[in-house]
């Protein structure tokens, strides 16, 4: 049987840093590189990284009637 390590969570400082990074994100290559680097550096907290990405994406939707399901249909 393979042992599964419990998933780590981000610290408050890491969460704040990532949220700020994502809110300021543009199509500038260096900003995308920084956000991707943060995600890879914190891959052991992948669940929380994904939740932050999704919650900020939903927050930025222009259409209040839309939900994340709109992106997958």
Protein backbone atom coordinates (compact mmCIF):
# COMPACT_ATOMS: atom_id res chain seq x y z
CA UNK A 1 0.00 0.00 0.00
CA UNK A 2 1.32 3.43 -0.93
CA UNK A 3 1.47 6.06 1.78
CA UNK A 4 -0.30 9.32 0.90
CA UNK A 5 1.01 12.53 2.42
CA UNK A 6 -1.63 14.98 3.65
CA UNK A 7 -1.91 18.10 1.55
CA UNK A 8 -0.30 21.22 2.92
CA UNK A 9 -2.16 24.54 3.10
CA UNK A 10 -0.78 27.96 2.30
CA UNK A 11 0.16 30.30 5.12
CA UNK A 12 -1.85 33.50 5.45
CA UNK A 13 1.08 35.45 4.02
CA UNK A 14 1.38 33.08 1.03
CA UNK A 15 -2.37 33.24 0.40
CA UNK A 16 -2.35 37.05 0.52
CA UNK A 17 0.69 37.20 -1.78
CA UNK A 18 -0.92 34.88 -4.34
CA UNK A 19 -4.26 36.71 -4.24
CA UNK A 20 -2.51 40.05 -4.78
CA UNK A 21 -0.46 38.52 -7.59
CA UNK A 22 -3.58 37.17 -9.31
CA UNK A 23 -5.57 40.39 -8.91
CA UNK A 24 -2.77 42.37 -10.57
CA UNK A 25 -2.17 39.77 -13.29
CA UNK A 26 -2.04 40.98 -16.89
CA UNK A 27 -0.86 39.32 -20.08
CA UNK A 28 2.68 40.48 -19.34
CA UNK A 29 5.01 37.52 -19.61
CA UNK A 30 6.92 38.24 -16.38
CA UNK A 31 3.71 38.39 -14.32
CA UNK A 32 2.47 35.10 -15.73
CA UNK A 33 5.88 33.54 -15.05
CA UNK A 34 5.73 34.74 -11.44
CA UNK A 35 2.23 33.32 -10.87
CA UNK A 36 3.15 30.02 -12.49
CA UNK A 37 6.33 29.86 -10.42
CA UNK A 38 4.36 30.44 -7.23
CA UNK A 39 1.95 27.67 -8.19
CA UNK A 40 4.74 25.22 -8.92
CA UNK A 41 6.68 26.15 -5.78
CA UNK A 42 3.53 25.43 -3.76
CA UNK A 43 2.38 22.33 -5.63
CA UNK A 44 2.00 20.48 -2.33
CA UNK A 45 -0.86 22.90 -1.58
CA UNK A 46 -2.39 22.44 -5.05
CA UNK A 47 -5.97 22.15 -3.80
CA UNK A 48 -5.85 25.56 -2.16
CA UNK A 49 -4.03 27.12 -5.14
CA UNK A 50 -6.82 25.88 -7.44
CA UNK A 51 -9.52 27.15 -5.08
CA UNK A 52 -7.93 30.60 -5.05
CA UNK A 53 -7.68 30.64 -8.85
CA UNK A 54 -11.32 29.60 -9.24
CA UNK A 55 -12.67 31.98 -6.62
CA UNK A 56 -10.86 34.95 -8.15
CA UNK A 57 -11.96 33.93 -11.65
CA UNK A 58 -15.59 33.81 -10.52
CA UNK A 59 -15.15 37.15 -8.74
CA UNK A 60 -14.01 38.69 -12.04
CA UNK A 61 -16.86 37.42 -14.20
CA UNK A 62 -18.64 40.32 -15.86
CA UNK A 63 -22.01 38.57 -15.95
CA UNK A 64 -23.52 38.07 -12.46
CA UNK A 65 -25.78 35.26 -13.77
CA UNK A 66 -22.74 33.24 -14.90
CA UNK A 67 -21.05 30.60 -12.86
CA UNK A 68 -17.95 28.49 -13.27
CA UNK A 69 -20.16 25.93 -15.03
CA UNK A 70 -20.40 28.34 -17.99
CA UNK A 71 -16.74 27.75 -18.70
CA UNK A 72 -17.12 24.00 -18.96
CA UNK A 73 -20.20 23.75 -21.16
